[in-house]
């Protein structure tokens, strides 16, 4: 549940309030947590929502996007936007 509480739920709440910076900060925090608890099955936005927000913020380039897109976690159905 940590990825949901730290990242995805807070990110969705922030996006509903039109605060992309706070949403991305929450997703960044959960990605740091996931580094110590690796799994491809977390529904925390690491392979879908986070890369999208990073591109929109100008913080990610095409190479970063392609690297995330090529990872196994990005191939899961819920990450296909």
C-alpha atoms as a PDB file:
ATOM      1  CA  UNK A   1       0.000   0.000   0.000  1.00  0.00           C
ATOM      2  CA  UNK A   2       2.947   2.364   0.447  1.00  0.00           C
ATOM      3  CA  UNK A   3       3.227   3.144  -3.287  1.00  0.00           C
ATOM      4  CA  UNK A   4      -0.444   4.026  -3.395  1.00  0.00           C
ATOM      5  CA  UNK A   5      -0.322   6.209  -0.293  1.00  0.00           C
ATOM      6  CA  UNK A   6       2.964   7.951  -1.084  1.00  0.00           C
ATOM      7  CA  UNK A   7       2.572   8.342  -4.788  1.00  0.00           C
ATOM      8  CA  UNK A   8      -0.438   7.563  -6.867  1.00  0.00           C
ATOM      9  CA  UNK A   9      -3.205   8.693  -4.499  1.00  0.00           C
ATOM     10  CA  UNK A  10      -1.431  11.933  -3.635  1.00  0.00           C
ATOM     11  CA  UNK A  11      -0.540  12.516  -7.280  1.00  0.00           C
ATOM     12  CA  UNK A  12      -4.130  12.088  -8.434  1.00  0.00           C
ATOM     13  CA  UNK A  13      -5.304  14.414  -5.659  1.00  0.00           C
ATOM     14  CA  UNK A  14      -2.725  17.004  -6.674  1.00  0.00           C
ATOM     15  CA  UNK A  15      -3.724  16.717 -10.326  1.00  0.00           C
ATOM     16  CA  UNK A  16      -7.372  17.220  -9.396  1.00  0.00           C
ATOM     17  CA  UNK A  17      -6.212  20.463  -7.782  1.00  0.00           C
ATOM     18  CA  UNK A  18      -4.232  21.249 -10.968  1.00  0.00           C
ATOM     19  CA  UNK A  19      -0.909  21.072  -9.115  1.00  0.00           C
ATOM     20  CA  UNK A  20       1.418  19.130 -11.436  1.00  0.00           C
ATOM     21  CA  UNK A  21       4.523  19.986  -9.406  1.00  0.00           C
ATOM     22  CA  UNK A  22       3.116  18.411  -6.241  1.00  0.00           C
ATOM     23  CA  UNK A  23       1.903  15.398  -8.222  1.00  0.00           C
ATOM     24  CA  UNK A  24       5.364  14.844  -9.665  1.00  0.00           C
ATOM     25  CA  UNK A  25       6.980  15.325  -6.244  1.00  0.00           C
ATOM     26  CA  UNK A  26       4.768  12.568  -4.826  1.00  0.00           C
ATOM     27  CA  UNK A  27       5.626  10.241  -7.692  1.00  0.00           C
ATOM     28  CA  UNK A  28       9.324  11.022  -7.258  1.00  0.00           C
ATOM     29  CA  UNK A  29       9.053  10.138  -3.552  1.00  0.00           C
ATOM     30  CA  UNK A  30       7.438   6.795  -4.264  1.00  0.00           C
ATOM     31  CA  UNK A  31      10.039   6.000  -6.907  1.00  0.00           C
ATOM     32  CA  UNK A  32      12.736   6.517  -4.271  1.00  0.00           C
ATOM     33  CA  UNK A  33      10.862   4.098  -1.966  1.00  0.00           C
ATOM     34  CA  UNK A  34      10.546   1.552  -4.784  1.00  0.00           C
ATOM     35  CA  UNK A  35      14.322   1.521  -5.322  1.00  0.00           C
ATOM     36  CA  UNK A  36      14.583  -0.218  -1.934  1.00  0.00           C
ATOM     37  CA  UNK A  37      11.507  -2.402  -2.578  1.00  0.00           C
ATOM     38  CA  UNK A  38      11.661  -3.328  -6.289  1.00  0.00           C
ATOM     39  CA  UNK A  39       8.706  -4.841  -8.148  1.00  0.00           C
ATOM     40  CA  UNK A  40       7.156  -4.350 -11.576  1.00  0.00           C
ATOM     41  CA  UNK A  41       3.673  -4.671 -10.159  1.00  0.00           C
ATOM     42  CA  UNK A  42       3.381  -1.488  -8.132  1.00  0.00           C
ATOM     43  CA  UNK A  43       0.577   0.724  -9.335  1.00  0.00           C
ATOM     44  CA  UNK A  44       2.458   3.888  -8.468  1.00  0.00           C
ATOM     45  CA  UNK A  45       2.749   5.615 -11.811  1.00  0.00           C
ATOM     46  CA  UNK A  46       6.447   4.907 -12.328  1.00  0.00           C
ATOM     47  CA  UNK A  47       5.895   3.578 -15.828  1.00  0.00           C
ATOM     48  CA  UNK A  48       2.918   5.686 -16.904  1.00  0.00           C
ATOM     49  CA  UNK A  49       1.890   8.829 -15.054  1.00  0.00           C
ATOM     50  CA  UNK A  50       5.335   9.883 -13.795  1.00  0.00           C
ATOM     51  CA  UNK A  51       6.998   9.832 -17.238  1.00  0.00           C
ATOM     52  CA  UNK A  52       4.056  11.771 -18.670  1.00  0.00           C
ATOM     53  CA  UNK A  53       4.323  14.476 -16.002  1.00  0.00           C
ATOM     54  CA  UNK A  54       8.111  14.678 -16.425  1.00  0.00           C
ATOM     55  CA  UNK A  55       7.716  15.235 -20.172  1.00  0.00           C
ATOM     56  CA  UNK A  56       5.049  17.897 -19.599  1.00  0.00           C
ATOM     57  CA  UNK A  57       7.321  19.648 -17.086  1.00  0.00           C
ATOM     58  CA  UNK A  58      10.241  19.580 -19.515  1.00  0.00           C
ATOM     59  CA  UNK A  59      12.234  17.451 -17.058  1.00  0.00           C
ATOM     60  CA  UNK A  60      12.485  14.390 -19.327  1.00  0.00           C
ATOM     61  CA  UNK A  61      13.736  14.035 -22.860  1.00  0.00           C
ATOM     62  CA  UNK A  62      12.862  11.485 -25.519  1.00  0.00           C
ATOM     63  CA  UNK A  63      15.699   9.157 -24.449  1.00  0.00           C
ATOM     64  CA  UNK A  64      14.367   8.956 -20.877  1.00  0.00           C
ATOM     65  CA  UNK A  65      10.848   8.360 -22.154  1.00  0.00           C
ATOM     66  CA  UNK A  66      12.049   5.568 -24.467  1.00  0.00           C
ATOM     67  CA  UNK A  67      14.040   3.944 -21.635  1.00  0.00           C
ATOM     68  CA  UNK A  68      10.954   3.839 -19.408  1.00  0.00           C
ATOM     69  CA  UNK A  69       8.789   2.661 -22.277  1.00  0.00           C
ATOM     70  CA  UNK A  70      11.191  -0.225 -23.018  1.00  0.00           C
ATOM     71  CA  UNK A  71      11.197  -1.503 -19.424  1.00  0.00           C
ATOM     72  CA  UNK A  72       9.143  -4.619 -18.560  1.00  0.00           C
ATOM     73  CA  UNK A  73       6.924  -2.686 -16.138  1.00  0.00           C
ATOM     74  CA  UNK A  74       5.786  -0.375 -18.925  1.00  0.00           C
ATOM     75  CA  UNK A  75       4.418  -3.360 -20.837  1.00  0.00           C
ATOM     76  CA  UNK A  76       1.754  -4.094 -18.213  1.00  0.00           C
ATOM     77  CA  UNK A  77      -1.759  -3.271 -19.405  1.00  0.00           C
ATOM     78  CA  UNK A  78      -2.445  -0.543 -16.848  1.00  0.00           C
ATOM     79  CA  UNK A  79       0.608   1.427 -18.015  1.00  0.00           C
ATOM     80  CA  UNK A  80      -0.485   1.685 -21.649  1.00  0.00           C
ATOM     81  CA  UNK A  81      -1.660   5.227 -22.222  1.00  0.00           C
END
